[in-house]
């Protein structure tokens, strides 16, 4: 629930330093987590974050300070550090900023769920463990983890923007170890949603545990193959990591502004097949990347990055939007009050096409079907990427023949886009517990993909 105008103190700080913009971001966050192993709680933790970040912006330059001292004196010190108070630093001019000096105290907001108690966590994890052992007698170990973040934020900017929001987020992960004939394999699955108490359901347990067990079972028969350049069919869902790592980061407008992205200067150009449309979406209900307002007070929205093969938009924060003379897209995000906002993805996915998955697979004489991934890396400037495929299949003469595991998929983001020749008709958003890192900050994201055929990638 969001209030467009937060109850803020009338006591303000005014700057004599000229700049474009200033803002203040208050945060009050409780993070609770628990690990269950061998039927017992092996770890439980609660962390409280409470503080404010104050920013002043001139052009593309940012002065930023944060404090956990929310007294009048503490906020004045932080404001002085960025020049929103008299200081010995060189003055920028005569224009002024006006920001609230004190937060109002976080008002009671309608919630989808408050922070859960330790016993709720324990019972939830015990159910997940019991479910796993019941599904397969070869399971010898189960490790279950639950974490919940209840974040309240309050924001005000020098342009009059203000909002107050509650952002619950809960995640469950389950690791499985199986042993058969002296061989052991481990699999993993997770889910993360912007939900509170309503996350704790049997359906979530069934989904996560079932996926972890299936992935682990798969590994006993999976093998590797000799590498080389070949067609790769990316399965719907977690293959969306291709968009996030290989392409999405290169659309973040700070990399465009500095010329570090391979897509710099290509706005409006055709960069892939006309059947491809890619969006970054902050409006998906309960999604980990959902934002009613971003961390700069911009309303959540859906941004079309590529429309019918043409580059349509980048992901703008306030600084980059001002630089390019466009409107922000609601992608200004920060890990906490300790960090200034940066252009970041939310939920990045490709819209479905018209091809049936069976037809896509039948079109491949020899290649691989990539099903699940564990991580990836990309060089923003060059667009080169590497992904680690955990599970997949060999395709021979249009059929899935051999289960595969532990392969690297190597390519170039723009080249991979250009070599997508078929797009499936079913989109799946992957709601695994995905955290995206950038400049030392981590934020929650999701990604998605319909089944697609990339005509050539290097498998190693």
Protein backbone atom coordinates (compact mmCIF):
# COMPACT_ATOMS: atom_id res chain seq x y z
CA UNK A 1 0.00 0.00 0.00
CA UNK A 2 1.39 3.39 -0.99
CA UNK A 3 0.56 6.88 0.09
CA UNK A 4 1.49 9.48 -2.49
CA UNK A 5 2.23 12.09 0.14
CA UNK A 6 4.01 10.89 3.25
CA UNK A 7 3.59 12.67 6.58
CA UNK A 8 6.85 14.60 6.69
CA UNK A 9 8.18 17.18 9.09
CA UNK A 10 7.97 20.79 8.04
CA UNK A 11 11.42 21.38 9.48
CA UNK A 12 13.68 21.49 6.41
CA UNK A 13 17.26 21.82 5.33
CA UNK A 14 18.00 24.41 2.66
CA UNK A 15 21.12 24.53 0.53
CA UNK A 16 22.92 27.51 -0.90
CA UNK A 17 24.74 25.22 -3.30
CA UNK A 18 23.32 25.11 -6.80
CA UNK A 19 22.34 21.70 -8.13
CA UNK A 20 19.69 19.94 -10.12
CA UNK A 21 18.06 17.81 -7.50
CA UNK A 22 18.23 16.52 -3.94
CA UNK A 23 16.38 13.83 -2.02
CA UNK A 24 16.19 11.97 1.26
CA UNK A 25 15.41 8.27 1.69
CA UNK A 26 14.35 6.87 5.09
CA UNK A 27 14.37 3.12 5.66
CA UNK A 28 13.24 0.83 8.46
CA UNK A 29 13.83 -2.86 7.64
CA UNK A 30 13.66 -6.12 9.59
CA UNK A 31 15.33 -9.16 8.02
CA UNK A 32 14.67 -12.56 9.59
CA UNK A 33 16.08 -15.88 8.39
CA UNK A 34 16.31 -19.51 9.49
CA UNK A 35 18.12 -22.65 8.30
CA UNK A 36 16.83 -26.15 9.08
CA UNK A 37 19.04 -29.22 8.65
CA UNK A 38 18.58 -32.76 9.95
CA UNK A 39 15.30 -31.75 11.56
CA UNK A 40 16.93 -29.05 13.66
CA UNK A 41 17.38 -25.31 13.37
CA UNK A 42 21.07 -24.81 12.60
CA UNK A 43 20.95 -21.06 12.18
CA UNK A 44 18.53 -18.23 12.94
CA UNK A 45 19.16 -14.55 12.48
CA UNK A 46 17.43 -11.21 12.71
CA UNK A 47 18.89 -7.98 11.37
CA UNK A 48 17.43 -4.49 11.73
CA UNK A 49 18.33 -1.65 9.36
CA UNK A 50 17.30 1.87 10.28
CA UNK A 51 18.63 5.03 8.73
CA UNK A 52 18.48 7.68 6.04
CA UNK A 53 20.41 8.53 2.90
CA UNK A 54 20.69 12.10 1.62
CA UNK A 55 21.71 12.91 -1.95
CA UNK A 56 22.49 16.05 -3.92
CA UNK A 57 22.86 15.87 -7.71
CA UNK A 58 24.46 18.27 -10.16
CA UNK A 59 24.52 17.07 -13.75
CA UNK A 60 25.90 13.55 -13.56
CA UNK A 61 27.74 14.18 -10.29
CA UNK A 62 26.32 12.86 -7.02
CA UNK A 63 27.13 13.73 -3.44
CA UNK A 64 25.77 11.11 -1.06
CA UNK A 65 25.80 10.56 2.68
CA UNK A 66 23.92 8.26 5.01
CA UNK A 67 23.34 8.09 8.73
CA UNK A 68 21.76 5.78 11.28
CA UNK A 69 21.36 8.75 13.62
CA UNK A 70 17.90 10.09 12.78
CA UNK A 71 18.03 12.87 15.34
CA UNK A 72 17.96 16.43 14.07
CA UNK A 73 21.68 16.75 14.65
CA UNK A 74 22.46 13.46 12.91
CA UNK A 75 20.52 14.41 9.79
CA UNK A 76 22.11 17.84 9.74
CA UNK A 77 25.56 16.28 9.71
CA UNK A 78 24.66 14.02 6.81
CA UNK A 79 23.08 16.90 4.92
CA UNK A 80 26.12 19.08 5.50
CA UNK A 81 28.33 16.37 4.02
CA UNK A 82 26.52 16.67 0.67
CA UNK A 83 26.20 20.44 0.82
CA UNK A 84 22.56 20.80 1.85
CA UNK A 85 23.62 23.00 4.73
CA UNK A 86 26.20 25.74 5.23
CA UNK A 87 29.67 24.23 4.85
CA UNK A 88 33.22 25.25 3.96
CA UNK A 89 32.90 23.43 0.61
CA UNK A 90 32.90 25.59 -2.56
CA UNK A 91 29.40 26.88 -3.31
CA UNK A 92 27.72 25.86 -6.55
CA UNK A 93 25.61 29.01 -6.73
CA UNK A 94 22.46 30.51 -5.31
CA UNK A 95 19.72 27.99 -6.13
CA UNK A 96 18.33 26.12 -3.13
CA UNK A 97 17.14 22.68 -2.12
CA UNK A 98 14.50 22.07 0.51
CA UNK A 99 14.22 18.66 2.16
CA UNK A 100 12.52 17.34 5.31
CA UNK A 101 14.87 17.26 8.25
CA UNK A 102 13.04 14.55 10.19
CA UNK A 103 10.93 11.55 9.29
CA UNK A 104 7.43 11.42 10.73
CA UNK A 105 7.69 7.94 12.17
CA UNK A 106 6.51 5.13 9.96
CA UNK A 107 2.73 5.19 9.82
CA UNK A 108 0.67 2.01 10.04
CA UNK A 109 -0.01 0.76 6.53
CA UNK A 110 -2.40 -1.95 5.35
CA UNK A 111 -0.15 -5.00 5.01
CA UNK A 112 -0.31 -8.26 3.14
CA UNK A 113 1.54 -9.82 6.06
CA UNK A 114 3.70 -8.69 8.95
CA UNK A 115 7.00 -10.21 10.02
CA UNK A 116 6.53 -13.85 10.91
CA UNK A 117 7.64 -15.43 14.17
CA UNK A 118 10.40 -18.00 14.63
CA UNK A 119 7.92 -20.84 15.21
CA UNK A 120 6.15 -20.06 11.92
CA UNK A 121 9.50 -20.30 10.15
CA UNK A 122 10.39 -23.57 11.88
CA UNK A 123 7.10 -25.28 11.10
CA UNK A 124 7.28 -24.15 7.48
CA UNK A 125 10.78 -25.58 7.09
CA UNK A 126 9.84 -28.83 8.85
CA UNK A 127 7.01 -29.30 6.34
CA UNK A 128 9.43 -28.71 3.45
CA UNK A 129 11.90 -31.24 4.86
CA UNK A 130 9.22 -33.89 5.42
CA UNK A 131 7.84 -33.34 1.91
CA UNK A 132 11.28 -33.91 0.40
CA UNK A 133 11.99 -37.14 2.28
CA UNK A 134 8.56 -38.47 1.33
CA UNK A 135 9.19 -37.94 -2.40
CA UNK A 136 12.31 -40.08 -2.80
CA UNK A 137 13.85 -42.75 -0.51
CA UNK A 138 17.35 -42.05 -1.86
CA UNK A 139 17.42 -38.59 -0.23
CA UNK A 140 19.99 -38.57 2.58
CA UNK A 141 20.05 -34.86 3.44
CA UNK A 142 17.74 -31.86 3.17
CA UNK A 143 18.69 -28.28 3.92
CA UNK A 144 15.87 -25.75 3.92
CA UNK A 145 16.20 -21.98 4.26
CA UNK A 146 13.61 -19.24 4.65
CA UNK A 147 14.21 -15.50 4.77
CA UNK A 148 11.83 -12.59 5.07
CA UNK A 149 12.49 -8.90 4.63
CA UNK A 150 9.93 -6.34 5.80
CA UNK A 151 11.07 -2.99 4.46
CA UNK A 152 9.33 0.32 5.06
CA UNK A 153 10.59 3.32 3.12
CA UNK A 154 9.77 7.00 3.15
CA UNK A 155 11.04 9.37 0.46
CA UNK A 156 10.98 13.05 -0.40
CA UNK A 157 12.64 14.95 -3.23
CA UNK A 158 13.34 18.62 -3.84
CA UNK A 159 10.77 18.63 -6.67
CA UNK A 160 7.97 17.83 -4.21
CA UNK A 161 7.90 14.09 -4.88
CA UNK A 162 7.04 12.06 -1.77
CA UNK A 163 5.90 8.53 -1.07
CA UNK A 164 5.67 6.00 1.73
CA UNK A 165 5.72 2.26 1.00
CA UNK A 166 5.82 -1.16 2.59
CA UNK A 167 7.82 -3.80 0.69
CA UNK A 168 7.56 -7.34 2.08
CA UNK A 169 9.71 -10.04 0.51
CA UNK A 170 9.94 -13.72 1.44
CA UNK A 171 12.09 -16.52 -0.01
CA UNK A 172 12.34 -20.28 0.42
CA UNK A 173 15.22 -22.42 -0.82
CA UNK A 174 15.69 -26.18 -0.54
CA UNK A 175 18.89 -28.19 -1.19
CA UNK A 176 18.66 -31.96 -1.69
CA UNK A 177 21.40 -34.61 -1.48
CA UNK A 178 20.66 -38.06 -2.93
CA UNK A 179 22.77 -41.22 -2.82
CA UNK A 180 22.39 -44.17 -5.20
CA UNK A 181 24.88 -46.99 -5.65
CA UNK A 182 27.66 -45.05 -3.96
CA UNK A 183 27.09 -41.96 -6.13
CA UNK A 184 25.87 -38.69 -4.62
CA UNK A 185 24.24 -35.74 -6.34
CA UNK A 186 22.93 -32.42 -5.05
CA UNK A 187 20.13 -30.27 -6.44
CA UNK A 188 18.57 -26.97 -5.45
CA UNK A 189 15.46 -24.88 -6.02
CA UNK A 190 14.08 -21.63 -4.63
CA UNK A 191 11.25 -19.11 -4.82
CA UNK A 192 11.11 -15.44 -3.86
CA UNK A 193 8.07 -13.16 -3.94
CA UNK A 194 6.97 -9.79 -2.61
CA UNK A 195 4.69 -11.38 -0.06
CA UNK A 196 4.42 -11.61 3.71
CA UNK A 197 2.28 -14.14 5.59
CA UNK A 198 0.53 -15.22 2.37
CA UNK A 199 3.79 -16.75 1.11
CA UNK A 200 3.63 -19.57 3.69
CA UNK A 201 1.52 -22.09 1.80
CA UNK A 202 1.62 -25.81 1.01
CA UNK A 203 1.63 -24.90 -2.67
CA UNK A 204 4.96 -23.05 -2.37
CA UNK A 205 6.48 -26.01 -0.49
CA UNK A 206 5.24 -28.49 -3.11
CA UNK A 207 6.60 -26.38 -5.96
CA UNK A 208 10.07 -25.73 -4.51
CA UNK A 209 10.65 -29.19 -3.03
CA UNK A 210 9.34 -30.95 -6.14
CA UNK A 211 11.65 -28.95 -8.39
CA UNK A 212 14.69 -29.59 -6.15
CA UNK A 213 14.01 -33.35 -6.10
CA UNK A 214 13.49 -33.54 -9.89
CA UNK A 215 16.70 -31.64 -10.58
CA UNK A 216 18.71 -33.88 -8.26
CA UNK A 217 17.24 -37.09 -9.69
CA UNK A 218 18.06 -35.86 -13.21
CA UNK A 219 21.78 -35.60 -12.44
CA UNK A 220 22.25 -39.35 -11.91
CA UNK A 221 21.74 -40.08 -15.60
CA UNK A 222 23.05 -36.79 -17.07
CA UNK A 223 26.42 -36.68 -18.86
CA UNK A 224 28.58 -34.16 -20.71
CA UNK A 225 29.35 -33.83 -24.39
CA UNK A 226 32.24 -32.56 -26.45
CA UNK A 227 31.94 -28.82 -26.95
CA UNK A 228 31.72 -26.75 -30.09
CA UNK A 229 29.50 -24.29 -31.92
CA UNK A 230 25.93 -25.53 -32.26
CA UNK A 231 22.26 -24.47 -32.06
CA UNK A 232 20.93 -23.98 -28.54
CA UNK A 233 17.26 -24.16 -27.58
CA UNK A 234 16.71 -22.11 -24.42
CA UNK A 235 13.86 -23.53 -22.34
CA UNK A 236 11.11 -21.22 -21.10
CA UNK A 237 11.66 -19.75 -17.65
CA UNK A 238 15.09 -19.71 -16.02
CA UNK A 239 16.78 -19.29 -19.41
CA UNK A 240 15.73 -15.67 -18.96
CA UNK A 241 19.17 -15.30 -17.38
CA UNK A 242 20.30 -14.83 -21.00
CA UNK A 243 18.30 -11.60 -21.18
CA UNK A 244 19.36 -10.43 -17.75
CA UNK A 245 23.10 -10.98 -18.00
CA UNK A 246 23.93 -10.90 -21.69
CA UNK A 247 21.57 -8.12 -22.73
CA UNK A 248 19.77 -6.44 -19.81
CA UNK A 249 22.78 -4.86 -18.11
CA UNK A 250 23.81 -3.30 -21.41
CA UNK A 251 20.43 -1.48 -21.50
CA UNK A 252 21.05 0.25 -18.12
CA UNK A 253 21.36 3.91 -18.99
CA UNK A 254 24.43 4.72 -16.88
CA UNK A 255 26.42 2.36 -19.13
CA UNK A 256 24.89 4.10 -22.16
CA UNK A 257 25.75 7.54 -20.76
CA UNK A 258 29.39 6.59 -20.18
CA UNK A 259 29.69 4.80 -23.52
CA UNK A 260 30.46 1.46 -21.87
CA UNK A 261 27.52 -0.43 -23.36
CA UNK A 262 27.63 -2.12 -26.73
CA UNK A 263 24.18 -0.60 -27.40
CA UNK A 264 25.42 3.00 -27.04
CA UNK A 265 24.22 5.11 -29.97
CA UNK A 266 21.89 2.42 -31.32
CA UNK A 267 18.50 3.79 -30.24
CA UNK A 268 15.88 3.10 -32.91
CA UNK A 269 18.06 0.63 -34.79
CA UNK A 270 17.08 -2.93 -35.59
CA UNK A 271 19.11 -5.16 -33.26
CA UNK A 272 17.32 -8.51 -33.67
CA UNK A 273 14.57 -10.36 -35.52
CA UNK A 274 11.24 -8.45 -35.83
CA UNK A 275 9.49 -11.23 -33.92
CA UNK A 276 11.31 -10.21 -30.72
CA UNK A 277 9.97 -7.79 -28.10
CA UNK A 278 11.73 -7.43 -24.74
CA UNK A 279 10.38 -5.59 -21.71
CA UNK A 280 11.55 -4.70 -18.20
CA UNK A 281 8.53 -4.66 -15.92
CA UNK A 282 8.00 -3.25 -12.45
CA UNK A 283 4.27 -3.96 -12.36
CA UNK A 284 3.99 -7.77 -12.06
CA UNK A 285 1.94 -8.53 -8.90
CA UNK A 286 4.03 -10.00 -6.04
CA UNK A 287 7.07 -10.31 -8.30
CA UNK A 288 10.47 -9.81 -6.65
CA UNK A 289 11.19 -6.92 -9.02
CA UNK A 290 7.82 -5.19 -8.55
CA UNK A 291 8.04 -1.50 -7.60
CA UNK A 292 5.03 0.67 -6.87
CA UNK A 293 7.59 3.49 -6.75
CA UNK A 294 11.30 3.12 -7.39
CA UNK A 295 13.84 4.46 -4.89
CA UNK A 296 13.76 7.90 -6.53
CA UNK A 297 10.00 8.33 -6.26
CA UNK A 298 9.20 7.42 -9.89
CA UNK A 299 6.01 5.33 -10.28
CA UNK A 300 6.43 1.67 -11.20
CA UNK A 301 5.89 0.99 -14.88
CA UNK A 302 6.49 -1.41 -17.77
CA UNK A 303 9.30 -0.39 -20.13
CA UNK A 304 9.56 -1.80 -23.66
CA UNK A 305 13.28 -2.12 -24.37
CA UNK A 306 13.08 -3.81 -27.76
CA UNK A 307 9.92 -3.53 -29.85
CA UNK A 308 9.59 -5.82 -32.86
CA UNK A 309 13.35 -6.06 -33.18
CA UNK A 310 14.13 -2.35 -32.76
CA UNK A 311 15.82 -0.76 -29.76
CA UNK A 312 13.06 1.31 -28.15
CA UNK A 313 14.26 2.42 -24.70
CA UNK A 314 16.97 2.13 -22.08
CA UNK A 315 16.52 1.75 -18.32
CA UNK A 316 16.71 5.27 -16.92
CA UNK A 317 17.21 6.62 -13.42
CA UNK A 318 16.77 10.34 -12.77
CA UNK A 319 20.39 11.25 -13.59
CA UNK A 320 20.51 9.41 -16.91
CA UNK A 321 17.02 10.57 -17.89
CA UNK A 322 17.99 14.20 -17.31
CA UNK A 323 21.22 13.65 -19.28
CA UNK A 324 19.33 12.26 -22.29
CA UNK A 325 16.32 14.58 -22.00
CA UNK A 326 13.79 11.79 -21.45
CA UNK A 327 11.50 10.67 -18.61
CA UNK A 328 12.82 8.23 -15.96
CA UNK A 329 11.51 4.69 -16.40
CA UNK A 330 11.29 3.81 -12.68
CA UNK A 331 14.57 1.87 -12.62
CA UNK A 332 16.38 3.87 -9.93
CA UNK A 333 17.06 1.23 -7.25
CA UNK A 334 19.29 0.89 -4.19
CA UNK A 335 20.16 -1.96 -1.85
CA UNK A 336 19.49 0.13 1.26
CA UNK A 337 19.68 3.66 2.65
CA UNK A 338 23.48 3.26 2.67
CA UNK A 339 23.58 3.32 -1.15
CA UNK A 340 22.73 5.86 -3.84
CA UNK A 341 20.25 4.66 -6.49
CA UNK A 342 21.48 3.25 -9.80
CA UNK A 343 19.69 2.15 -13.00
CA UNK A 344 18.75 -1.49 -12.29
CA UNK A 345 16.53 -4.12 -13.86
CA UNK A 346 13.24 -5.28 -12.29
CA UNK A 347 11.63 -8.21 -14.15
CA UNK A 348 13.16 -8.61 -17.61
CA UNK A 349 11.51 -10.91 -20.14
CA UNK A 350 10.80 -11.54 -23.81
CA UNK A 351 7.22 -11.62 -25.04
CA UNK A 352 6.02 -14.92 -26.54
CA UNK A 353 6.01 -15.55 -30.26
CA UNK A 354 4.06 -18.02 -32.37
CA UNK A 355 6.22 -21.18 -32.54
CA UNK A 356 5.39 -24.37 -30.65
CA UNK A 357 8.18 -25.77 -28.48
CA UNK A 358 7.96 -29.17 -30.16
CA UNK A 359 8.42 -27.52 -33.57
CA UNK A 360 11.45 -25.59 -32.29
CA UNK A 361 13.10 -28.79 -31.06
CA UNK A 362 12.21 -30.68 -34.28
CA UNK A 363 13.98 -28.00 -36.33
CA UNK A 364 17.38 -28.81 -34.75
CA UNK A 365 19.48 -31.62 -36.28
CA UNK A 366 22.10 -31.58 -33.50
CA UNK A 367 22.30 -29.15 -30.60
CA UNK A 368 21.35 -28.79 -26.96
CA UNK A 369 18.21 -27.94 -25.02
CA UNK A 370 19.29 -25.76 -22.05
CA UNK A 371 16.92 -26.16 -19.12
CA UNK A 372 18.41 -24.71 -15.90
CA UNK A 373 21.32 -22.45 -15.01
CA UNK A 374 23.29 -21.61 -11.89
CA UNK A 375 25.11 -18.39 -12.76
CA UNK A 376 26.47 -16.18 -15.52
CA UNK A 377 28.93 -13.40 -16.26
CA UNK A 378 29.05 -10.69 -18.91
CA UNK A 379 31.39 -7.96 -20.14
CA UNK A 380 29.09 -4.96 -20.58
CA UNK A 381 31.22 -3.20 -23.18
CA UNK A 382 31.91 -6.15 -25.45
CA UNK A 383 28.69 -8.03 -24.68
CA UNK A 384 30.54 -11.33 -24.24
CA UNK A 385 28.91 -13.74 -21.79
CA UNK A 386 29.37 -17.13 -20.16
CA UNK A 387 26.56 -19.14 -18.51
CA UNK A 388 26.83 -22.36 -16.55
CA UNK A 389 24.09 -24.75 -17.63
CA UNK A 390 23.25 -27.14 -14.80
CA UNK A 391 20.76 -29.36 -16.64
CA UNK A 392 19.66 -29.84 -20.23
CA UNK A 393 19.33 -32.33 -23.09
CA UNK A 394 21.15 -33.29 -26.25
CA UNK A 395 19.03 -32.78 -29.37
CA UNK A 396 19.58 -35.27 -32.19
CA UNK A 397 17.48 -35.26 -35.34
CA UNK A 398 14.80 -33.14 -33.71
CA UNK A 399 14.45 -35.22 -30.53
CA UNK A 400 15.66 -34.92 -26.94
CA UNK A 401 17.93 -37.95 -26.53
CA UNK A 402 20.48 -37.68 -23.70
CA UNK A 403 20.27 -35.77 -20.39
CA UNK A 404 23.17 -33.32 -19.99
CA UNK A 405 24.69 -31.44 -17.06
CA UNK A 406 27.47 -28.99 -16.18
CA UNK A 407 28.14 -27.26 -19.50
CA UNK A 408 29.26 -23.72 -20.24
CA UNK A 409 27.40 -21.72 -22.86
CA UNK A 410 29.50 -18.93 -24.34
CA UNK A 411 28.51 -16.14 -26.70
CA UNK A 412 27.96 -12.46 -27.33
CA UNK A 413 24.73 -10.75 -26.27
CA UNK A 414 23.91 -8.74 -29.42
CA UNK A 415 25.08 -11.64 -31.62
CA UNK A 416 22.88 -14.08 -29.68
CA UNK A 417 19.91 -11.73 -30.15
CA UNK A 418 20.53 -11.59 -33.90
CA UNK A 419 20.72 -15.38 -34.10
CA UNK A 420 17.36 -16.03 -32.41
CA UNK A 421 15.34 -17.53 -35.26
CA UNK A 422 12.30 -18.99 -33.48
CA UNK A 423 10.33 -17.73 -30.45
CA UNK A 424 7.92 -20.00 -28.59
CA UNK A 425 4.32 -19.17 -27.80
CA UNK A 426 4.51 -19.70 -24.02
CA UNK A 427 6.27 -17.29 -21.66
CA UNK A 428 7.30 -18.33 -18.16
CA UNK A 429 8.65 -15.93 -15.52
CA UNK A 430 11.29 -17.49 -13.28
CA UNK A 431 10.59 -16.63 -9.63
CA UNK A 432 13.74 -18.21 -8.19
CA UNK A 433 15.52 -16.24 -5.48
CA UNK A 434 17.60 -14.10 -7.85
CA UNK A 435 19.73 -11.22 -6.56
CA UNK A 436 21.48 -8.97 -9.06
CA UNK A 437 24.82 -7.39 -8.15
CA UNK A 438 26.13 -4.07 -9.45
CA UNK A 439 28.75 -1.74 -7.97
CA UNK A 440 28.60 -3.66 -4.70
CA UNK A 441 24.80 -3.40 -4.39
CA UNK A 442 22.37 -6.32 -4.60
CA UNK A 443 18.68 -6.01 -5.46
CA UNK A 444 15.96 -8.60 -6.06
CA UNK A 445 15.04 -9.30 -9.68
CA UNK A 446 13.27 -11.84 -11.84
CA UNK A 447 13.52 -12.81 -15.49
CA UNK A 448 11.63 -14.81 -18.04
CA UNK A 449 11.75 -16.22 -21.53
CA UNK A 450 9.59 -18.23 -23.90
CA UNK A 451 11.35 -21.17 -25.54
CA UNK A 452 13.73 -19.73 -28.17
CA UNK A 453 16.13 -21.15 -30.73
CA UNK A 454 19.55 -19.49 -31.01
CA UNK A 455 21.08 -20.77 -34.23
CA UNK A 456 24.63 -20.84 -32.92
CA UNK A 457 26.39 -20.55 -29.57
CA UNK A 458 29.58 -22.08 -28.24
CA UNK A 459 29.08 -25.00 -25.84
CA UNK A 460 32.11 -25.84 -23.71
